[in-house]
C-alpha atoms as a PDB file:
ATOM      1  CA  MET A   1       0.000   0.000   0.000  1.00  0.00           C
ATOM      2  CA  SER A   2       1.221   3.488  -0.774  1.00  0.00           C
ATOM      3  CA  SER A   3       1.727   6.216   1.799  1.00  0.00           C
ATOM      4  CA  LEU A   4      -1.151   6.967   4.141  1.00  0.00           C
ATOM      5  CA  SER A   5      -1.539  10.463   2.675  1.00  0.00           C
ATOM      6  CA  THR A   6      -3.041   8.938  -0.478  1.00  0.00           C
ATOM      7  CA  TRP A   7      -5.794   7.154   1.486  1.00  0.00           C
ATOM      8  CA  VAL A   8      -8.940   8.274   3.282  1.00  0.00           C
ATOM      9  CA  GLN A   9      -9.847   6.099   6.255  1.00  0.00           C
ATOM     10  CA  ARG A  10     -13.466   5.928   7.404  1.00  0.00           C
ATOM     11  CA  VAL A  11     -14.602   3.819  10.310  1.00  0.00           C
ATOM     12  CA  GLY A  12     -17.996   2.185   9.910  1.00  0.00           C
ATOM     13  CA  ARG A  13     -20.006   0.216  12.413  1.00  0.00           C
ATOM     14  CA  ARG A  14     -18.293  -3.105  11.659  1.00  0.00           C
ATOM     15  CA  LEU A  15     -15.595  -2.336   9.111  1.00  0.00           C
ATOM     16  CA  THR A  16     -12.789   0.096   8.564  1.00  0.00           C
ATOM     17  CA  PHE A  17     -12.947   1.510   5.045  1.00  0.00           C
ATOM     18  CA  LEU A  18      -9.834   2.653   3.215  1.00  0.00           C
ATOM     19  CA  TRP A  19     -10.649   4.686   0.115  1.00  0.00           C
ATOM     20  CA  LYS A  20      -7.854   5.785  -2.190  1.00  0.00           C
ATOM     21  CA  LYS A  21      -8.301   9.540  -2.537  1.00  0.00           C
ATOM     22  CA  ASN A  22      -9.222   9.464  -6.217  1.00  0.00           C
ATOM     23  CA  THR A  23     -12.126   7.115  -5.380  1.00  0.00           C
ATOM     24  CA  THR A  24     -13.903   9.261  -2.780  1.00  0.00           C
ATOM     25  CA  GLU A  25     -15.647  11.711  -5.110  1.00  0.00           C
ATOM     26  CA  VAL A  26     -17.086   9.498  -7.849  1.00  0.00           C
ATOM     27  CA  PRO A  27     -20.250  10.996  -9.361  1.00  0.00           C
ATOM     28  CA  GLY A  28     -23.116   8.651  -8.516  1.00  0.00           C
ATOM     29  CA  VAL A  29     -21.397   6.979  -5.537  1.00  0.00           C
ATOM     30  CA  THR A  30     -22.248   8.163  -2.024  1.00  0.00           C
ATOM     31  CA  LEU A  31     -19.660   6.855   0.432  1.00  0.00           C
ATOM     32  CA  PRO A  32     -21.999   6.390   3.436  1.00  0.00           C
ATOM     33  CA  ALA A  33     -24.538   4.509   1.270  1.00  0.00           C
ATOM     34  CA  ALA A  34     -21.824   2.298  -0.237  1.00  0.00           C
ATOM     35  CA  GLU A  35     -20.343   1.557   3.177  1.00  0.00           C
ATOM     36  CA  ASN A  36     -23.749   0.792   4.693  1.00  0.00           C
ATOM     37  CA  GLU A  37     -24.624  -1.625   1.864  1.00  0.00           C
ATOM     38  CA  MET A  38     -21.207  -3.270   2.136  1.00  0.00           C
ATOM     39  CA  GLU A  39     -21.571  -3.790   5.881  1.00  0.00           C
ATOM     40  CA  LYS A  40     -25.077  -5.271   5.449  1.00  0.00           C
ATOM     41  CA  ALA A  41     -23.858  -7.602   2.675  1.00  0.00           C
ATOM     42  CA  LEU A  42     -20.909  -8.719   4.793  1.00  0.00           C
ATOM     43  CA  GLU A  43     -23.161  -9.541   7.751  1.00  0.00           C
ATOM     44  CA  GLU A  44     -25.455 -11.589   5.493  1.00  0.00           C
ATOM     45  CA  VAL A  45     -22.644 -13.576   3.853  1.00  0.00           C
ATOM     46  CA  LYS A  46     -21.029 -14.200   7.247  1.00  0.00           C
ATOM     47  CA  LYS A  47     -24.189 -16.041   8.334  1.00  0.00           C
ATOM     48  CA  GLN A  48     -23.802 -18.558   5.497  1.00  0.00           C
ATOM     49  CA  PHE A  49     -19.999 -18.698   5.337  1.00  0.00           C
ATOM     50  CA  PRO A  50     -18.693 -17.774   8.789  1.00  0.00           C
ATOM     51  CA  LYS A  51     -15.261 -19.352   8.315  1.00  0.00           C
ATOM     52  CA  ASP A  52     -14.646 -17.653   4.951  1.00  0.00           C
ATOM     53  CA  PHE A  53     -15.408 -14.180   6.295  1.00  0.00           C
ATOM     54  CA  ALA A  54     -14.378 -14.418   9.954  1.00  0.00           C
ATOM     55  CA  GLY A  55     -11.327 -12.171   9.525  1.00  0.00           C
ATOM     56  CA  ALA A  56     -12.997  -9.434   7.466  1.00  0.00           C
ATOM     57  CA  SER A  57     -12.373  -6.125   9.179  1.00  0.00           C
ATOM     58  CA  LYS A  58     -10.979  -3.782   6.542  1.00  0.00           C
ATOM     59  CA  ALA A  59     -12.486  -2.911   3.149  1.00  0.00           C
ATOM     60  CA  THR A  60     -10.110  -1.219   0.710  1.00  0.00           C
ATOM     61  CA  VAL A  61     -11.211   0.641  -2.408  1.00  0.00           C
ATOM     62  CA  ASP A  62      -8.254   1.034  -4.760  1.00  0.00           C
ATOM     63  CA  LEU A  63     -10.219   2.173  -7.802  1.00  0.00           C
ATOM     64  CA  PHE A  64     -13.651   2.444  -9.344  1.00  0.00           C
ATOM     65  CA  TYR A  65     -14.974   1.443 -12.723  1.00  0.00           C
ATOM     66  CA  MET A  66     -16.938   3.773 -14.954  1.00  0.00           C
ATOM     67  CA  ALA A  67     -19.729   2.238 -17.024  1.00  0.00           C
ATOM     68  CA  LYS A  68     -18.186   0.457 -19.989  1.00  0.00           C
ATOM     69  CA  ASP A  69     -19.361  -1.313 -23.099  1.00  0.00           C
ATOM     70  CA  LEU A  70     -18.801  -5.037 -23.171  1.00  0.00           C
ATOM     71  CA  LYS A  71     -17.992  -6.972 -26.335  1.00  0.00           C
ATOM     72  CA  ASP A  72     -21.392  -8.685 -26.226  1.00  0.00           C
ATOM     73  CA  GLY A  73     -23.335  -5.398 -26.400  1.00  0.00           C
ATOM     74  CA  ARG A  74     -24.185  -5.151 -22.701  1.00  0.00           C
ATOM     75  CA  LEU A  75     -23.187  -2.381 -20.328  1.00  0.00           C
ATOM     76  CA  ASP A  76     -21.150  -2.980 -17.165  1.00  0.00           C
ATOM     77  CA  PRO A  77     -22.462  -0.134 -14.953  1.00  0.00           C
ATOM     78  CA  LEU A  78     -20.501   2.191 -12.700  1.00  0.00           C
ATOM     79  CA  HIS A  79     -19.216   0.355  -9.625  1.00  0.00           C
ATOM     80  CA  VAL A  80     -16.498   0.293  -6.994  1.00  0.00           C
ATOM     81  CA  ASN A  81     -14.606  -2.768  -5.812  1.00  0.00           C
ATOM     82  CA  PHE A  82     -14.161  -3.461  -2.120  1.00  0.00           C
ATOM     83  CA  ASN A  83     -11.108  -5.636  -1.495  1.00  0.00           C
ATOM     84  CA  PHE A  84     -10.798  -7.649   1.693  1.00  0.00           C
ATOM     85  CA  HIS A  85      -7.098  -8.434   1.464  1.00  0.00           C
ATOM     86  CA  GLU A  86      -6.903 -10.225   4.822  1.00  0.00           C
ATOM     87  CA  ILE A  87      -9.388 -12.899   3.655  1.00  0.00           C
ATOM     88  CA  ASN A  88      -8.679 -12.739  -0.105  1.00  0.00           C
ATOM     89  CA  GLN A  89     -12.229 -11.736  -1.101  1.00  0.00           C
ATOM     90  CA  ARG A  90     -13.659  -8.961  -3.255  1.00  0.00           C
ATOM     91  CA  ALA A  91     -17.113  -7.420  -3.548  1.00  0.00           C
ATOM     92  CA  HIS A  92     -18.525  -5.008  -6.122  1.00  0.00           C
ATOM     93  CA  TYR A  93     -20.830  -2.157  -5.083  1.00  0.00           C
ATOM     94  CA  TYR A  94     -23.285  -0.906  -7.716  1.00  0.00           C
ATOM     95  CA  PRO A  95     -25.080   2.363  -6.787  1.00  0.00           C
ATOM     96  CA  GLU A  96     -27.952   1.286  -9.047  1.00  0.00           C
ATOM     97  CA  ALA A  97     -29.070  -2.115  -7.759  1.00  0.00           C
ATOM     98  CA  LEU A  98     -28.692  -5.055 -10.140  1.00  0.00           C
ATOM     99  CA  GLY A  99     -30.871  -8.113  -9.620  1.00  0.00           C
ATOM    100  CA  GLY A 100     -32.269  -6.536  -6.455  1.00  0.00           C
ATOM    101  CA  ARG A 101     -28.932  -5.970  -4.725  1.00  0.00           C
ATOM    102  CA  HIS A 102     -26.186  -3.371  -4.578  1.00  0.00           C
ATOM    103  CA  VAL A 103     -23.334  -5.666  -3.499  1.00  0.00           C
ATOM    104  CA  TRP A 104     -22.127  -8.653  -5.497  1.00  0.00           C
ATOM    105  CA  TRP A 105     -19.287 -10.896  -4.357  1.00  0.00           C
ATOM    106  CA  SER A 106     -16.726 -11.977  -6.943  1.00  0.00           C
ATOM    107  CA  LYS A 107     -17.436 -15.647  -6.255  1.00  0.00           C
ATOM    108  CA  ALA A 108     -20.899 -16.876  -7.288  1.00  0.00           C
ATOM    109  CA  LYS A 109     -21.209 -19.167  -4.267  1.00  0.00           C
ATOM    110  CA  TYR A 110     -21.476 -16.075  -2.061  1.00  0.00           C
ATOM    111  CA  ASN A 111     -24.343 -14.738  -4.234  1.00  0.00           C
ATOM    112  CA  ASN A 112     -26.488 -17.878  -3.995  1.00  0.00           C
ATOM    113  CA  GLY A 113     -24.878 -19.164  -7.194  1.00  0.00           C
ATOM    114  CA  GLU A 114     -25.619 -16.031  -9.239  1.00  0.00           C
ATOM    115  CA  ILE A 115     -23.146 -13.759 -11.012  1.00  0.00           C
ATOM    116  CA  VAL A 116     -23.614 -10.054 -11.511  1.00  0.00           C
ATOM    117  CA  ASN A 117     -22.881 -10.245 -15.255  1.00  0.00           C
ATOM    118  CA  ASP A 118     -26.214 -12.017 -15.743  1.00  0.00           C
ATOM    119  CA  HIS A 119     -27.912  -8.784 -14.664  1.00  0.00           C
ATOM    120  CA  PHE A 120     -26.129  -6.393 -17.018  1.00  0.00           C
ATOM    121  CA  SER A 121     -28.509  -4.620 -19.385  1.00  0.00           C
ATOM    122  CA  PRO A 122     -28.124  -4.232 -23.120  1.00  0.00           C
ATOM    123  CA  ASN A 123     -26.349  -0.986 -23.923  1.00  0.00           C
ATOM    124  CA  PRO A 124     -28.849   1.268 -25.731  1.00  0.00           C
ATOM    125  CA  ALA A 125     -25.947   3.015 -27.494  1.00  0.00           C
ATOM    126  CA  ALA A 126     -24.875  -0.334 -28.958  1.00  0.00           C
ATOM    127  CA  ASP A 127     -28.225  -0.796 -30.739  1.00  0.00           C
ATOM    128  CA  ASN A 128     -27.339   1.592 -33.539  1.00  0.00           C
ATOM    129  CA  GLN A 129     -23.587   1.378 -33.556  1.00  0.00           C
ATOM    130  CA  GLU A 130     -20.774  -1.073 -33.167  1.00  0.00           C
ATOM    131  CA  VAL A 131     -19.356  -1.513 -29.674  1.00  0.00           C
ATOM    132  CA  ALA A 132     -15.764  -0.333 -29.544  1.00  0.00           C
ATOM    133  CA  ILE A 133     -13.697  -3.466 -28.837  1.00  0.00           C
ATOM    134  CA  GLY A 134     -10.761  -1.526 -27.410  1.00  0.00           C
ATOM    135  CA  SER A 135     -12.811   0.513 -24.932  1.00  0.00           C
ATOM    136  CA  GLU A 136     -12.267  -1.722 -21.937  1.00  0.00           C
ATOM    137  CA  ASP A 137     -10.476   0.799 -19.745  1.00  0.00           C
ATOM    138  CA  THR A 138      -9.922  -0.623 -16.262  1.00  0.00           C
ATOM    139  CA  SER A 139      -7.944   2.354 -14.995  1.00  0.00           C
ATOM    140  CA  GLY A 140     -10.951   3.499 -13.030  1.00  0.00           C
ATOM    141  CA  GLY A 141     -11.508   6.594 -15.135  1.00  0.00           C
ATOM    142  CA  GLN A 142      -8.683   8.443 -13.442  1.00  0.00           C
END
Protein backbone atom coordinates (compact mmCIF):
# COMPACT_ATOMS: atom_id res chain seq x y z
CA MET A 1 0.00 0.00 0.00
CA SER A 2 1.22 3.49 -0.77
CA SER A 3 1.73 6.22 1.80
CA LEU A 4 -1.15 6.97 4.14
CA SER A 5 -1.54 10.46 2.68
CA THR A 6 -3.04 8.94 -0.48
CA TRP A 7 -5.79 7.15 1.49
CA VAL A 8 -8.94 8.27 3.28
CA GLN A 9 -9.85 6.10 6.25
CA ARG A 10 -13.47 5.93 7.40
CA VAL A 11 -14.60 3.82 10.31
CA GLY A 12 -18.00 2.19 9.91
CA ARG A 13 -20.01 0.22 12.41
CA ARG A 14 -18.29 -3.10 11.66
CA LEU A 15 -15.60 -2.34 9.11
CA THR A 16 -12.79 0.10 8.56
CA PHE A 17 -12.95 1.51 5.04
CA LEU A 18 -9.83 2.65 3.22
CA TRP A 19 -10.65 4.69 0.12
CA LYS A 20 -7.85 5.79 -2.19
CA LYS A 21 -8.30 9.54 -2.54
CA ASN A 22 -9.22 9.46 -6.22
CA THR A 23 -12.13 7.11 -5.38
CA THR A 24 -13.90 9.26 -2.78
CA GLU A 25 -15.65 11.71 -5.11
CA VAL A 26 -17.09 9.50 -7.85
CA PRO A 27 -20.25 11.00 -9.36
CA GLY A 28 -23.12 8.65 -8.52
CA VAL A 29 -21.40 6.98 -5.54
CA THR A 30 -22.25 8.16 -2.02
CA LEU A 31 -19.66 6.86 0.43
CA PRO A 32 -22.00 6.39 3.44
CA ALA A 33 -24.54 4.51 1.27
CA ALA A 34 -21.82 2.30 -0.24
CA GLU A 35 -20.34 1.56 3.18
CA ASN A 36 -23.75 0.79 4.69
CA GLU A 37 -24.62 -1.62 1.86
CA MET A 38 -21.21 -3.27 2.14
CA GLU A 39 -21.57 -3.79 5.88
CA LYS A 40 -25.08 -5.27 5.45
CA ALA A 41 -23.86 -7.60 2.68
CA LEU A 42 -20.91 -8.72 4.79
CA GLU A 43 -23.16 -9.54 7.75
CA GLU A 44 -25.46 -11.59 5.49
CA VAL A 45 -22.64 -13.58 3.85
CA LYS A 46 -21.03 -14.20 7.25
CA LYS A 47 -24.19 -16.04 8.33
CA GLN A 48 -23.80 -18.56 5.50
CA PHE A 49 -20.00 -18.70 5.34
CA PRO A 50 -18.69 -17.77 8.79
CA LYS A 51 -15.26 -19.35 8.31
CA ASP A 52 -14.65 -17.65 4.95
CA PHE A 53 -15.41 -14.18 6.30
CA ALA A 54 -14.38 -14.42 9.95
CA GLY A 55 -11.33 -12.17 9.52
CA ALA A 56 -13.00 -9.43 7.47
CA SER A 57 -12.37 -6.13 9.18
CA LYS A 58 -10.98 -3.78 6.54
CA ALA A 59 -12.49 -2.91 3.15
CA THR A 60 -10.11 -1.22 0.71
CA VAL A 61 -11.21 0.64 -2.41
CA ASP A 62 -8.25 1.03 -4.76
CA LEU A 63 -10.22 2.17 -7.80
CA PHE A 64 -13.65 2.44 -9.34
CA TYR A 65 -14.97 1.44 -12.72
CA MET A 66 -16.94 3.77 -14.95
CA ALA A 67 -19.73 2.24 -17.02
CA LYS A 68 -18.19 0.46 -19.99
CA ASP A 69 -19.36 -1.31 -23.10
CA LEU A 70 -18.80 -5.04 -23.17
CA LYS A 71 -17.99 -6.97 -26.34
CA ASP A 72 -21.39 -8.69 -26.23
CA GLY A 73 -23.34 -5.40 -26.40
CA ARG A 74 -24.18 -5.15 -22.70
CA LEU A 75 -23.19 -2.38 -20.33
CA ASP A 76 -21.15 -2.98 -17.16
CA PRO A 77 -22.46 -0.13 -14.95
CA LEU A 78 -20.50 2.19 -12.70
CA HIS A 79 -19.22 0.35 -9.62
CA VAL A 80 -16.50 0.29 -6.99
CA ASN A 81 -14.61 -2.77 -5.81
CA PHE A 82 -14.16 -3.46 -2.12
CA ASN A 83 -11.11 -5.64 -1.49
CA PHE A 84 -10.80 -7.65 1.69
CA HIS A 85 -7.10 -8.43 1.46
CA GLU A 86 -6.90 -10.23 4.82
CA ILE A 87 -9.39 -12.90 3.66
CA ASN A 88 -8.68 -12.74 -0.11
CA GLN A 89 -12.23 -11.74 -1.10
CA ARG A 90 -13.66 -8.96 -3.26
CA ALA A 91 -17.11 -7.42 -3.55
CA HIS A 92 -18.53 -5.01 -6.12
CA TYR A 93 -20.83 -2.16 -5.08
CA TYR A 94 -23.29 -0.91 -7.72
CA PRO A 95 -25.08 2.36 -6.79
CA GLU A 96 -27.95 1.29 -9.05
CA ALA A 97 -29.07 -2.12 -7.76
CA LEU A 98 -28.69 -5.05 -10.14
CA GLY A 99 -30.87 -8.11 -9.62
CA GLY A 100 -32.27 -6.54 -6.46
CA ARG A 101 -28.93 -5.97 -4.72
CA HIS A 102 -26.19 -3.37 -4.58
CA VAL A 103 -23.33 -5.67 -3.50
CA TRP A 104 -22.13 -8.65 -5.50
CA TRP A 105 -19.29 -10.90 -4.36
CA SER A 106 -16.73 -11.98 -6.94
CA LYS A 107 -17.44 -15.65 -6.26
CA ALA A 108 -20.90 -16.88 -7.29
CA LYS A 109 -21.21 -19.17 -4.27
CA TYR A 110 -21.48 -16.07 -2.06
CA ASN A 111 -24.34 -14.74 -4.23
CA ASN A 112 -26.49 -17.88 -4.00
CA GLY A 113 -24.88 -19.16 -7.19
CA GLU A 114 -25.62 -16.03 -9.24
CA ILE A 115 -23.15 -13.76 -11.01
CA VAL A 116 -23.61 -10.05 -11.51
CA ASN A 117 -22.88 -10.24 -15.26
CA ASP A 118 -26.21 -12.02 -15.74
CA HIS A 119 -27.91 -8.78 -14.66
CA PHE A 120 -26.13 -6.39 -17.02
CA SER A 121 -28.51 -4.62 -19.39
CA PRO A 122 -28.12 -4.23 -23.12
CA ASN A 123 -26.35 -0.99 -23.92
CA PRO A 124 -28.85 1.27 -25.73
CA ALA A 125 -25.95 3.01 -27.49
CA ALA A 126 -24.87 -0.33 -28.96
CA ASP A 127 -28.23 -0.80 -30.74
CA ASN A 128 -27.34 1.59 -33.54
CA GLN A 129 -23.59 1.38 -33.56
CA GLU A 130 -20.77 -1.07 -33.17
CA VAL A 131 -19.36 -1.51 -29.67
CA ALA A 132 -15.76 -0.33 -29.54
CA ILE A 133 -13.70 -3.47 -28.84
CA GLY A 134 -10.76 -1.53 -27.41
CA SER A 135 -12.81 0.51 -24.93
CA GLU A 136 -12.27 -1.72 -21.94
CA ASP A 137 -10.48 0.80 -19.74
CA THR A 138 -9.92 -0.62 -16.26
CA SER A 139 -7.94 2.35 -14.99
CA GLY A 140 -10.95 3.50 -13.03
CA GLY A 141 -11.51 6.59 -15.13
CA GLN A 142 -8.68 8.44 -13.44
